[in-house]
Amino acid sequence: MPVDPCFAALLADKRSELRPPPPHVTVADMRAGNKAYLAATPRVAIESVRDLDMPGPAGRLALRVYRPSATPNLPATLFCHGGGVVLGDLDPHDSICHQLARSANRVVVAVDYRL
């Protein structure tokens, strides 16, 4: 299957390459930097944001539900934050989920998971 030209351009950009961090950078440093970078993104207005939790195989899992409007029966999208199962949680991705809910006019359910 051919690669979408926009995605091909992203893959060709050297800034998109995955590289290991320098040896002196700890996982805690990477998590803090990732959180600060993503948290700086402005939030767009949406109808509501609700924090929930559900049972998981190793304890409770946090969920955050973003509703773009009061319109009933909107389609939903499950958002699993990035970070390679090492970085990230719900808070730094909050503004991304706001934008996704509003621009797609969908309920977004973000799930947190063990790192």
PDB file of N, CA and C in Angstrom:
ATOM      1  N   MET A   1       0.846  -1.160   0.000  1.00  0.00           N
ATOM      2  CA  MET A   1       0.000   0.000   0.000  1.00  0.00           C
ATOM      3  C   MET A   1       0.906   1.242   0.000  1.00  0.00           C
ATOM      4  N   PRO A   2       0.617   2.230  -0.845  1.00  0.00           N
ATOM      5  CA  PRO A   2       1.461   3.429  -0.892  1.00  0.00           C
ATOM      6  C   PRO A   2       1.300   4.275   0.374  1.00  0.00           C
ATOM      7  N   VAL A   3       2.366   4.959   0.729  1.00  0.00           N
ATOM      8  CA  VAL A   3       2.361   5.827   1.902  1.00  0.00           C
ATOM      9  C   VAL A   3       1.781   7.180   1.507  1.00  0.00           C
ATOM     10  N   ASP A   4       0.904   7.714   2.345  1.00  0.00           N
ATOM     11  CA  ASP A   4       0.335   9.042   2.113  1.00  0.00           C
ATOM     12  C   ASP A   4       1.479  10.049   1.985  1.00  0.00           C
ATOM     13  N   PRO A   5       1.436  10.960   0.971  1.00  0.00           N
ATOM     14  CA  PRO A   5       2.546  11.909   0.770  1.00  0.00           C
ATOM     15  C   PRO A   5       2.847  12.775   1.992  1.00  0.00           C
ATOM     16  N   CYS A   6       1.828  13.168   2.727  1.00  0.00           N
ATOM     17  CA  CYS A   6       2.063  13.993   3.931  1.00  0.00           C
ATOM     18  C   CYS A   6       2.809  13.191   4.991  1.00  0.00           C
ATOM     19  N   PHE A   7       2.430  11.928   5.133  1.00  0.00           N
ATOM     20  CA  PHE A   7       3.091  11.082   6.114  1.00  0.00           C
ATOM     21  C   PHE A   7       4.514  10.765   5.656  1.00  0.00           C
ATOM     22  N   ALA A   8       4.697  10.570   4.352  1.00  0.00           N
ATOM     23  CA  ALA A   8       6.032  10.305   3.815  1.00  0.00           C
ATOM     24  C   ALA A   8       6.970  11.472   4.099  1.00  0.00           C
ATOM     25  N   ALA A   9       6.448  12.701   3.964  1.00  0.00           N
ATOM     26  CA  ALA A   9       7.268  13.882   4.257  1.00  0.00           C
ATOM     27  C   ALA A   9       7.666  13.909   5.728  1.00  0.00           C
ATOM     28  N   LEU A  10       6.743  13.550   6.616  1.00  0.00           N
ATOM     29  CA  LEU A  10       7.048  13.504   8.048  1.00  0.00           C
ATOM     30  C   LEU A  10       8.133  12.463   8.325  1.00  0.00           C
ATOM     31  N   LEU A  11       7.998  11.292   7.731  1.00  0.00           N
ATOM     32  CA  LEU A  11       8.983  10.237   7.943  1.00  0.00           C
ATOM     33  C   LEU A  11      10.355  10.616   7.399  1.00  0.00           C
ATOM     34  N   ALA A  12      10.380  11.393   6.326  1.00  0.00           N
ATOM     35  CA  ALA A  12      11.647  11.792   5.714  1.00  0.00           C
ATOM     36  C   ALA A  12      12.362  12.890   6.502  1.00  0.00           C
ATOM     37  N   ASP A  13      11.646  13.593   7.358  1.00  0.00           N
ATOM     38  CA  ASP A  13      12.226  14.680   8.141  1.00  0.00           C
ATOM     39  C   ASP A  13      13.116  14.090   9.235  1.00  0.00           C
ATOM     40  N   LYS A  14      14.385  14.456   9.240  1.00  0.00           N
ATOM     41  CA  LYS A  14      15.345  13.921  10.211  1.00  0.00           C
ATOM     42  C   LYS A  14      14.939  14.203  11.656  1.00  0.00           C
ATOM     43  N   ARG A  15      14.164  15.255  11.867  1.00  0.00           N
ATOM     44  CA  ARG A  15      13.727  15.569  13.234  1.00  0.00           C
ATOM     45  C   ARG A  15      12.752  14.527  13.766  1.00  0.00           C
ATOM     46  N   SER A  16      12.171  13.697  12.889  1.00  0.00           N
ATOM     47  CA  SER A  16      11.216  12.672  13.304  1.00  0.00           C
ATOM     48  C   SER A  16      11.877  11.347  13.664  1.00  0.00           C
ATOM     49  N   GLU A  17      13.168  11.233  13.441  1.00  0.00           N
ATOM     50  CA  GLU A  17      13.857   9.975  13.735  1.00  0.00           C
ATOM     51  C   GLU A  17      13.840   9.675  15.220  1.00  0.00           C
ATOM     52  N   LEU A  18      13.649   8.419  15.542  1.00  0.00           N
ATOM     53  CA  LEU A  18      13.726   7.996  16.935  1.00  0.00           C
ATOM     54  C   LEU A  18      15.187   7.778  17.289  1.00  0.00           C
ATOM     55  N   ARG A  19      15.608   8.409  18.356  1.00  0.00           N
ATOM     56  CA  ARG A  19      16.987   8.278  18.809  1.00  0.00           C
ATOM     57  C   ARG A  19      16.970   8.066  20.323  1.00  0.00           C
ATOM     58  N   PRO A  20      17.896   7.295  20.825  1.00  0.00           N
ATOM     59  CA  PRO A  20      17.956   7.146  22.279  1.00  0.00           C
ATOM     60  C   PRO A  20      18.437   8.456  22.907  1.00  0.00           C
ATOM     61  N   PRO A  21      17.984   8.725  24.121  1.00  0.00           N
ATOM     62  CA  PRO A  21      18.459   9.935  24.798  1.00  0.00           C
ATOM     63  C   PRO A  21      19.918   9.784  25.197  1.00  0.00           C
ATOM     64  N   PRO A  22      20.588  10.901  25.450  1.00  0.00           N
ATOM     65  CA  PRO A  22      21.966  10.800  25.955  1.00  0.00           C
ATOM     66  C   PRO A  22      21.971  10.042  27.283  1.00  0.00           C
ATOM     67  N   PRO A  23      23.065   9.371  27.594  1.00  0.00           N
ATOM     68  CA  PRO A  23      23.110   8.532  28.799  1.00  0.00           C
ATOM     69  C   PRO A  23      22.862   9.289  30.107  1.00  0.00           C
ATOM     70  N   HIS A  24      23.139  10.594  30.153  1.00  0.00           N
ATOM     71  CA  HIS A  24      22.947  11.340  31.404  1.00  0.00           C
ATOM     72  C   HIS A  24      21.497  11.775  31.615  1.00  0.00           C
ATOM     73  N   VAL A  25      20.620  11.583  30.633  1.00  0.00           N
ATOM     74  CA  VAL A  25      19.216  11.979  30.761  1.00  0.00           C
ATOM     75  C   VAL A  25      18.432  10.807  31.337  1.00  0.00           C
ATOM     76  N   THR A  26      17.800  11.036  32.477  1.00  0.00           N
ATOM     77  CA  THR A  26      17.048   9.973  33.140  1.00  0.00           C
ATOM     78  C   THR A  26      15.624   9.896  32.579  1.00  0.00           C
ATOM     79  N   VAL A  27      14.956   8.794  32.874  1.00  0.00           N
ATOM     80  CA  VAL A  27      13.550   8.653  32.482  1.00  0.00           C
ATOM     81  C   VAL A  27      12.729   9.754  33.141  1.00  0.00           C
ATOM     82  N   ALA A  28      13.029  10.072  34.394  1.00  0.00           N
ATOM     83  CA  ALA A  28      12.301  11.148  35.093  1.00  0.00           C
ATOM     84  C   ALA A  28      12.486  12.484  34.369  1.00  0.00           C
ATOM     85  N   ASP A  29      13.708  12.755  33.895  1.00  0.00           N
ATOM     86  CA  ASP A  29      13.970  13.981  33.127  1.00  0.00           C
ATOM     87  C   ASP A  29      13.162  13.986  31.830  1.00  0.00           C
ATOM     88  N   MET A  30      13.128  12.850  31.152  1.00  0.00           N
ATOM     89  CA  MET A  30      12.379  12.758  29.900  1.00  0.00           C
ATOM     90  C   MET A  30      10.886  12.963  30.145  1.00  0.00           C
ATOM     91  N   ARG A  31      10.353  12.364  31.206  1.00  0.00           N
ATOM     92  CA  ARG A  31       8.934  12.533  31.527  1.00  0.00           C
ATOM     93  C   ARG A  31       8.621  13.992  31.828  1.00  0.00           C
ATOM     94  N   ALA A  32       9.475  14.646  32.602  1.00  0.00           N
ATOM     95  CA  ALA A  32       9.247  16.058  32.947  1.00  0.00           C
ATOM     96  C   ALA A  32       9.309  16.943  31.706  1.00  0.00           C
ATOM     97  N   GLY A  33      10.272  16.709  30.842  1.00  0.00           N
ATOM     98  CA  GLY A  33      10.388  17.499  29.618  1.00  0.00           C
ATOM     99  C   GLY A  33       9.211  17.298  28.691  1.00  0.00           C
ATOM    100  N   ASN A  34       8.788  16.051  28.535  1.00  0.00           N
ATOM    101  CA  ASN A  34       7.634  15.733  27.700  1.00  0.00           C
ATOM    102  C   ASN A  34       6.377  16.412  28.239  1.00  0.00           C
ATOM    103  N   LYS A  35       6.198  16.332  29.548  1.00  0.00           N
ATOM    104  CA  LYS A  35       5.014  16.920  30.185  1.00  0.00           C
ATOM    105  C   LYS A  35       5.007  18.445  30.014  1.00  0.00           C
ATOM    106  N   ALA A  36       6.143  19.080  30.216  1.00  0.00           N
ATOM    107  CA  ALA A  36       6.230  20.541  30.081  1.00  0.00           C
ATOM    108  C   ALA A  36       5.975  20.972  28.639  1.00  0.00           C
ATOM    109  N   TYR A  37       6.531  20.246  27.693  1.00  0.00           N
ATOM    110  CA  TYR A  37       6.363  20.584  26.276  1.00  0.00           C
ATOM    111  C   TYR A  37       4.896  20.485  25.861  1.00  0.00           C
ATOM    112  N   LEU A  38       4.253  19.361  26.181  1.00  0.00           N
ATOM    113  CA  LEU A  38       2.870  19.163  25.764  1.00  0.00           C
ATOM    114  C   LEU A  38       1.892  20.034  26.541  1.00  0.00           C
ATOM    115  N   ALA A  39       2.166  20.292  27.804  1.00  0.00           N
ATOM    116  CA  ALA A  39       1.260  21.093  28.630  1.00  0.00           C
ATOM    117  C   ALA A  39       1.224  22.555  28.191  1.00  0.00           C
ATOM    118  N   ALA A  40       2.219  22.999  27.435  1.00  0.00           N
ATOM    119  CA  ALA A  40       2.270  24.394  26.987  1.00  0.00           C
ATOM    120  C   ALA A  40       1.307  24.678  25.839  1.00  0.00           C
ATOM    121  N   THR A  41       0.712  23.651  25.251  1.00  0.00           N
ATOM    122  CA  THR A  41      -0.221  23.832  24.141  1.00  0.00           C
ATOM    123  C   THR A  41      -1.531  24.407  24.669  1.00  0.00           C
ATOM    124  N   PRO A  42      -2.051  25.479  24.038  1.00  0.00           N
ATOM    125  CA  PRO A  42      -3.309  26.058  24.529  1.00  0.00           C
ATOM    126  C   PRO A  42      -4.498  25.123  24.311  1.00  0.00           C
ATOM    127  N   ARG A  43      -5.480  25.228  25.190  1.00  0.00           N
ATOM    128  CA  ARG A  43      -6.699  24.418  25.097  1.00  0.00           C
ATOM    129  C   ARG A  43      -7.791  25.199  24.377  1.00  0.00           C
ATOM    130  N   VAL A  44      -8.527  24.513  23.513  1.00  0.00           N
ATOM    131  CA  VAL A  44      -9.713  25.111  22.898  1.00  0.00           C
ATOM    132  C   VAL A  44     -10.914  24.798  23.785  1.00  0.00           C
ATOM    133  N   ALA A  45     -11.948  25.611  23.676  1.00  0.00           N
ATOM    134  CA  ALA A  45     -13.154  25.420  24.489  1.00  0.00           C
ATOM    135  C   ALA A  45     -13.980  24.246  23.957  1.00  0.00           C
ATOM    136  N   ILE A  46     -14.442  23.401  24.875  1.00  0.00           N
ATOM    137  CA  ILE A  46     -15.376  22.324  24.541  1.00  0.00           C
ATOM    138  C   ILE A  46     -16.458  22.290  25.622  1.00  0.00           C
ATOM    139  N   GLU A  47     -17.468  21.478  25.410  1.00  0.00           N
ATOM    140  CA  GLU A  47     -18.610  21.412  26.330  1.00  0.00           C
ATOM    141  C   GLU A  47     -18.217  20.938  27.728  1.00  0.00           C
ATOM    142  N   SER A  48     -17.495  19.799  27.801  1.00  0.00           N
ATOM    143  CA  SER A  48     -17.165  19.271  29.128  1.00  0.00           C
ATOM    144  C   SER A  48     -15.993  18.303  29.075  1.00  0.00           C
ATOM    145  N   VAL A  49     -15.369  18.158  30.239  1.00  0.00           N
ATOM    146  CA  VAL A  49     -14.300  17.179  30.447  1.00  0.00           C
ATOM    147  C   VAL A  49     -14.621  16.481  31.761  1.00  0.00           C
ATOM    148  N   ARG A  50     -14.596  15.160  31.737  1.00  0.00           N
ATOM    149  CA  ARG A  50     -14.967  14.398  32.932  1.00  0.00           C
ATOM    150  C   ARG A  50     -13.923  13.322  33.212  1.00  0.00           C
ATOM    151  N   ASP A  51     -13.435  13.265  34.446  1.00  0.00           N
ATOM    152  CA  ASP A  51     -12.486  12.226  34.858  1.00  0.00           C
ATOM    153  C   ASP A  51     -13.243  11.042  35.444  1.00  0.00           C
ATOM    154  N   LEU A  52     -12.891   9.851  34.984  1.00  0.00           N
ATOM    155  CA  LEU A  52     -13.485   8.602  35.454  1.00  0.00           C
ATOM    156  C   LEU A  52     -12.360   7.605  35.682  1.00  0.00           C
ATOM    157  N   ASP A  53     -12.718   6.423  36.166  1.00  0.00           N
ATOM    158  CA  ASP A  53     -11.749   5.336  36.203  1.00  0.00           C
ATOM    159  C   ASP A  53     -12.486   4.031  35.999  1.00  0.00           C
ATOM    160  N   MET A  54     -11.728   3.010  35.694  1.00  0.00           N
ATOM    161  CA  MET A  54     -12.302   1.688  35.454  1.00  0.00           C
ATOM    162  C   MET A  54     -11.310   0.636  35.941  1.00  0.00           C
ATOM    163  N   PRO A  55     -11.802  -0.584  36.185  1.00  0.00           N
ATOM    164  CA  PRO A  55     -10.869  -1.624  36.613  1.00  0.00           C
ATOM    165  C   PRO A  55      -9.930  -2.020  35.485  1.00  0.00           C
ATOM    166  N   GLY A  56      -8.696  -2.330  35.858  1.00  0.00           N
ATOM    167  CA  GLY A  56      -7.705  -2.808  34.898  1.00  0.00           C
ATOM    168  C   GLY A  56      -7.018  -4.031  35.462  1.00  0.00           C
ATOM    169  N   PRO A  57      -6.197  -4.694  34.679  1.00  0.00           N
ATOM    170  CA  PRO A  57      -5.556  -5.931  35.135  1.00  0.00           C
ATOM    171  C   PRO A  57      -4.590  -5.722  36.302  1.00  0.00           C
ATOM    172  N   ALA A  58      -4.066  -4.506  36.465  1.00  0.00           N
ATOM    173  CA  ALA A  58      -3.124  -4.244  37.566  1.00  0.00           C
ATOM    174  C   ALA A  58      -3.620  -3.107  38.443  1.00  0.00           C
ATOM    175  N   GLY A  59      -4.927  -2.919  38.503  1.00  0.00           N
ATOM    176  CA  GLY A  59      -5.497  -1.835  39.306  1.00  0.00           C
ATOM    177  C   GLY A  59      -6.348  -0.919  38.451  1.00  0.00           C
ATOM    178  N   ARG A  60      -6.791   0.173  39.047  1.00  0.00           N
ATOM    179  CA  ARG A  60      -7.677   1.105  38.356  1.00  0.00           C
ATOM    180  C   ARG A  60      -6.947   1.830  37.229  1.00  0.00           C
ATOM    181  N   LEU A  61      -7.666   2.093  36.134  1.00  0.00           N
ATOM    182  CA  LEU A  61      -7.154   2.874  35.018  1.00  0.00           C
ATOM    183  C   LEU A  61      -7.912   4.191  34.971  1.00  0.00           C
ATOM    184  N   ALA A  62      -7.182   5.280  34.843  1.00  0.00           N
ATOM    185  CA  ALA A  62      -7.806   6.597  34.742  1.00  0.00           C
ATOM    186  C   ALA A  62      -8.292   6.821  33.315  1.00  0.00           C
ATOM    187  N   LEU A  63      -9.461   7.424  33.200  1.00  0.00           N
ATOM    188  CA  LEU A  63     -10.037   7.799  31.914  1.00  0.00           C
ATOM    189  C   LEU A  63     -10.414   9.271  31.973  1.00  0.00           C
ATOM    190  N   ARG A  64     -10.369   9.936  30.851  1.00  0.00           N
ATOM    191  CA  ARG A  64     -10.845  11.312  30.763  1.00  0.00           C
ATOM    192  C   ARG A  64     -11.714  11.399  29.516  1.00  0.00           C
ATOM    193  N   VAL A  65     -12.942  11.885  29.691  1.00  0.00           N
ATOM    194  CA  VAL A  65     -13.916  11.950  28.603  1.00  0.00           C
ATOM    195  C   VAL A  65     -14.117  13.404  28.201  1.00  0.00           C
ATOM    196  N   TYR A  66     -13.876  13.697  26.926  1.00  0.00           N
ATOM    197  CA  TYR A  66     -13.988  15.042  26.363  1.00  0.00           C
ATOM    198  C   TYR A  66     -15.220  15.087  25.469  1.00  0.00           C
ATOM    199  N   ARG A  67     -16.159  15.978  25.790  1.00  0.00           N
ATOM    200  CA  ARG A  67     -17.382  16.106  25.004  1.00  0.00           C
ATOM    201  C   ARG A  67     -17.357  17.467  24.319  1.00  0.00           C
ATOM    202  N   PRO A  68     -17.361  17.494  22.968  1.00  0.00           N
ATOM    203  CA  PRO A  68     -17.247  18.765  22.257  1.00  0.00           C
ATOM    204  C   PRO A  68     -18.504  19.632  22.319  1.00  0.00           C
ATOM    205  N   SER A  69     -19.670  18.980  22.467  1.00  0.00           N
ATOM    206  CA  SER A  69     -20.942  19.711  22.518  1.00  0.00           C
ATOM    207  C   SER A  69     -21.943  18.881  23.289  1.00  0.00           C
ATOM    208  N   ALA A  70     -23.126  19.455  23.509  1.00  0.00           N
ATOM    209  CA  ALA A  70     -24.181  18.739  24.218  1.00  0.00           C
ATOM    210  C   ALA A  70     -24.974  17.823  23.293  1.00  0.00           C
ATOM    211  N   THR A  71     -24.610  17.761  22.031  1.00  0.00           N
ATOM    212  CA  THR A  71     -25.303  16.905  21.071  1.00  0.00           C
ATOM    213  C   THR A  71     -25.250  15.454  21.546  1.00  0.00           C
ATOM    214  N   PRO A  72     -26.422  14.790  21.646  1.00  0.00           N
ATOM    215  CA  PRO A  72     -26.401  13.392  22.103  1.00  0.00           C
ATOM    216  C   PRO A  72     -25.911  12.448  21.009  1.00  0.00           C
ATOM    217  N   ASN A  73     -25.457  11.283  21.421  1.00  0.00           N
ATOM    218  CA  ASN A  73     -25.086  10.187  20.524  1.00  0.00           C
ATOM    219  C   ASN A  73     -23.993  10.532  19.514  1.00  0.00           C
ATOM    220  N   LEU A  74     -23.020  11.308  19.928  1.00  0.00           N
ATOM    221  CA  LEU A  74     -21.873  11.587  19.059  1.00  0.00           C
ATOM    222  C   LEU A  74     -21.007  10.339  18.948  1.00  0.00           C
ATOM    223  N   PRO A  75     -20.338  10.161  17.810  1.00  0.00           N
ATOM    224  CA  PRO A  75     -19.369   9.054  17.732  1.00  0.00           C
ATOM    225  C   PRO A  75     -18.229   9.313  18.713  1.00  0.00           C
ATOM    226  N   ALA A  76     -17.506   8.267  19.043  1.00  0.00           N
ATOM    227  CA  ALA A  76     -16.419   8.387  20.013  1.00  0.00           C
ATOM    228  C   ALA A  76     -15.105   7.895  19.426  1.00  0.00           C
ATOM    229  N   THR A  77     -14.030   8.447  19.944  1.00  0.00           N
ATOM    230  CA  THR A  77     -12.678   8.048  19.574  1.00  0.00           C
ATOM    231  C   THR A  77     -11.915   7.710  20.844  1.00  0.00           C
ATOM    232  N   LEU A  78     -11.209   6.593  20.853  1.00  0.00           N
ATOM    233  CA  LEU A  78     -10.355   6.216  21.970  1.00  0.00           C
ATOM    234  C   LEU A  78      -8.976   6.813  21.720  1.00  0.00           C
ATOM    235  N   PHE A  79      -8.470   7.585  22.687  1.00  0.00           N
ATOM    236  CA  PHE A  79      -7.152   8.213  22.569  1.00  0.00           C
ATOM    237  C   PHE A  79      -6.213   7.553  23.566  1.00  0.00           C
ATOM    238  N   CYS A  80      -5.158   6.930  23.055  1.00  0.00           N
ATOM    239  CA  CYS A  80      -4.107   6.347  23.894  1.00  0.00           C
ATOM    240  C   CYS A  80      -2.869   7.209  23.700  1.00  0.00           C
ATOM    241  N   HIS A  81      -2.464   7.922  24.731  1.00  0.00           N
ATOM    242  CA  HIS A  81      -1.349   8.847  24.609  1.00  0.00           C
ATOM    243  C   HIS A  81      -0.082   8.136  24.176  1.00  0.00           C
ATOM    244  N   GLY A  82       0.794   8.893  23.517  1.00  0.00           N
ATOM    245  CA  GLY A  82       2.069   8.355  23.069  1.00  0.00           C
ATOM    246  C   GLY A  82       3.067   8.294  24.205  1.00  0.00           C
ATOM    247  N   GLY A  83       4.282   8.024  23.879  1.00  0.00           N
ATOM    248  CA  GLY A  83       5.343   7.988  24.870  1.00  0.00           C
ATOM    249  C   GLY A  83       6.019   6.647  24.978  1.00  0.00           C
ATOM    250  N   GLY A  84       5.682   5.726  24.073  1.00  0.00           N
ATOM    251  CA  GLY A  84       6.382   4.441  24.056  1.00  0.00           C
ATOM    252  C   GLY A  84       6.232   3.649  25.335  1.00  0.00           C
ATOM    253  N   VAL A  85       5.125   3.783  26.034  1.00  0.00           N
ATOM    254  CA  VAL A  85       4.854   3.105  27.301  1.00  0.00           C
ATOM    255  C   VAL A  85       5.919   3.473  28.339  1.00  0.00           C
ATOM    256  N   VAL A  86       6.515   4.646  28.177  1.00  0.00           N
ATOM    257  CA  VAL A  86       7.532   5.137  29.114  1.00  0.00           C
ATOM    258  C   VAL A  86       7.178   6.547  29.580  1.00  0.00           C
ATOM    259  N   LEU A  87       6.710   7.379  28.656  1.00  0.00           N
ATOM    260  CA  LEU A  87       6.418   8.782  28.945  1.00  0.00           C
ATOM    261  C   LEU A  87       4.920   9.026  28.872  1.00  0.00           C
ATOM    262  N   GLY A  88       4.510  10.122  29.450  1.00  0.00           N
ATOM    263  CA  GLY A  88       3.159  10.614  29.244  1.00  0.00           C
ATOM    264  C   GLY A  88       2.136  10.114  30.240  1.00  0.00           C
ATOM    265  N   ASP A  89       1.062  10.885  30.323  1.00  0.00           N
ATOM    266  CA  ASP A  89      -0.123  10.538  31.080  1.00  0.00           C
ATOM    267  C   ASP A  89      -1.247  11.418  30.543  1.00  0.00           C
ATOM    268  N   LEU A  90      -2.348  11.483  31.239  1.00  0.00           N
ATOM    269  CA  LEU A  90      -3.493  12.238  30.724  1.00  0.00           C
ATOM    270  C   LEU A  90      -3.249  13.748  30.677  1.00  0.00           C
ATOM    271  N   ASP A  91      -2.596  14.300  31.667  1.00  0.00           N
ATOM    272  CA  ASP A  91      -2.481  15.758  31.770  1.00  0.00           C
ATOM    273  C   ASP A  91      -1.749  16.426  30.610  1.00  0.00           C
ATOM    274  N   PRO A  92      -0.580  15.980  30.210  1.00  0.00           N
ATOM    275  CA  PRO A  92       0.092  16.681  29.113  1.00  0.00           C
ATOM    276  C   PRO A  92      -0.664  16.594  27.787  1.00  0.00           C
ATOM    277  N   HIS A  93      -1.494  15.576  27.622  1.00  0.00           N
ATOM    278  CA  HIS A  93      -2.224  15.391  26.372  1.00  0.00           C
ATOM    279  C   HIS A  93      -3.616  16.022  26.416  1.00  0.00           C
ATOM    280  N   ASP A  94      -3.905  16.723  27.486  1.00  0.00           N
ATOM    281  CA  ASP A  94      -5.226  17.324  27.666  1.00  0.00           C
ATOM    282  C   ASP A  94      -5.587  18.274  26.520  1.00  0.00           C
ATOM    283  N   SER A  95      -4.682  19.166  26.148  1.00  0.00           N
ATOM    284  CA  SER A  95      -4.995  20.136  25.091  1.00  0.00           C
ATOM    285  C   SER A  95      -5.170  19.439  23.739  1.00  0.00           C
ATOM    286  N   ILE A  96      -4.405  18.384  23.489  1.00  0.00           N
ATOM    287  CA  ILE A  96      -4.552  17.626  22.243  1.00  0.00           C
ATOM    288  C   ILE A  96      -5.945  16.999  22.181  1.00  0.00           C
ATOM    289  N   CYS A  97      -6.412  16.448  23.287  1.00  0.00           N
ATOM    290  CA  CYS A  97      -7.731  15.818  23.314  1.00  0.00           C
ATOM    291  C   CYS A  97      -8.846  16.851  23.182  1.00  0.00           C
ATOM    292  N   HIS A  98      -8.660  18.035  23.786  1.00  0.00           N
ATOM    293  CA  HIS A  98      -9.625  19.119  23.577  1.00  0.00           C
ATOM    294  C   HIS A  98      -9.751  19.416  22.087  1.00  0.00           C
ATOM    295  N   GLN A  99      -8.610  19.603  21.426  1.00  0.00           N
ATOM    296  CA  GLN A  99      -8.604  19.949  20.000  1.00  0.00           C
ATOM    297  C   GLN A  99      -9.205  18.833  19.158  1.00  0.00           C
ATOM    298  N   LEU A 100      -8.856  17.595  19.453  1.00  0.00           N
ATOM    299  CA  LEU A 100      -9.380  16.462  18.711  1.00  0.00           C
ATOM    300  C   LEU A 100     -10.901  16.375  18.844  1.00  0.00           C
ATOM    301  N   ALA A 101     -11.412  16.531  20.063  1.00  0.00           N
ATOM    302  CA  ALA A 101     -12.859  16.475  20.282  1.00  0.00           C
ATOM    303  C   ALA A 101     -13.569  17.566  19.485  1.00  0.00           C
ATOM    304  N   ARG A 102     -13.049  18.775  19.563  1.00  0.00           N
ATOM    305  CA  ARG A 102     -13.706  19.891  18.878  1.00  0.00           C
ATOM    306  C   ARG A 102     -13.597  19.777  17.356  1.00  0.00           C
ATOM    307  N   SER A 103     -12.408  19.510  16.850  1.00  0.00           N
ATOM    308  CA  SER A 103     -12.236  19.504  15.397  1.00  0.00           C
ATOM    309  C   SER A 103     -12.914  18.308  14.730  1.00  0.00           C
ATOM    310  N   ALA A 104     -12.978  17.162  15.408  1.00  0.00           N
ATOM    311  CA  ALA A 104     -13.622  15.975  14.833  1.00  0.00           C
ATOM    312  C   ALA A 104     -15.098  15.882  15.215  1.00  0.00           C
ATOM    313  N   ASN A 105     -15.540  16.735  16.133  1.00  0.00           N
ATOM    314  CA  ASN A 105     -16.905  16.689  16.668  1.00  0.00           C
ATOM    315  C   ASN A 105     -17.247  15.278  17.148  1.00  0.00           C
ATOM    316  N   ARG A 106     -16.343  14.753  17.964  1.00  0.00           N
ATOM    317  CA  ARG A 106     -16.498  13.420  18.546  1.00  0.00           C
ATOM    318  C   ARG A 106     -16.203  13.478  20.038  1.00  0.00           C
ATOM    319  N   VAL A 107     -16.829  12.580  20.756  1.00  0.00           N
ATOM    320  CA  VAL A 107     -16.439  12.373  22.143  1.00  0.00           C
ATOM    321  C   VAL A 107     -15.080  11.686  22.107  1.00  0.00           C
ATOM    322  N   VAL A 108     -14.148  12.172  22.883  1.00  0.00           N
ATOM    323  CA  VAL A 108     -12.823  11.550  22.963  1.00  0.00           C
ATOM    324  C   VAL A 108     -12.680  10.944  24.356  1.00  0.00           C
ATOM    325  N   VAL A 109     -12.340   9.677  24.396  1.00  0.00           N
ATOM    326  CA  VAL A 109     -12.083   8.988  25.659  1.00  0.00           C
ATOM    327  C   VAL A 109     -10.590   8.699  25.707  1.00  0.00           C
ATOM    328  N   ALA A 110      -9.891   9.404  26.586  1.00  0.00           N
ATOM    329  CA  ALA A 110      -8.450   9.211  26.754  1.00  0.00           C
ATOM    330  C   ALA A 110      -8.239   8.237  27.905  1.00  0.00           C
ATOM    331  N   VAL A 111      -7.359   7.287  27.691  1.00  0.00           N
ATOM    332  CA  VAL A 111      -7.085   6.291  28.728  1.00  0.00           C
ATOM    333  C   VAL A 111      -5.634   6.419  29.160  1.00  0.00           C
ATOM    334  N   ASP A 112      -5.432   6.372  30.471  1.00  0.00           N
ATOM    335  CA  ASP A 112      -4.086   6.356  30.998  1.00  0.00           C
ATOM    336  C   ASP A 112      -3.708   4.900  31.229  1.00  0.00           C
ATOM    337  N   TYR A 113      -2.448   4.606  31.274  1.00  0.00           N
ATOM    338  CA  TYR A 113      -2.000   3.234  31.474  1.00  0.00           C
ATOM    339  C   TYR A 113      -0.678   3.250  32.219  1.00  0.00           C
ATOM    340  N   ARG A 114      -0.324   2.095  32.764  1.00  0.00           N
ATOM    341  CA  ARG A 114       0.937   1.991  33.504  1.00  0.00           C
ATOM    342  C   ARG A 114       2.104   2.271  32.589  1.00  0.00           C
ATOM    343  N   LEU A 115       3.080   2.985  33.093  1.00  0.00           N
ATOM    344  CA  LEU A 115       4.289   3.254  32.314  1.00  0.00           C
ATOM    345  C   LEU A 115       5.342   2.221  32.659  1.00  0.00           C
TER     346      LEU A 115
END
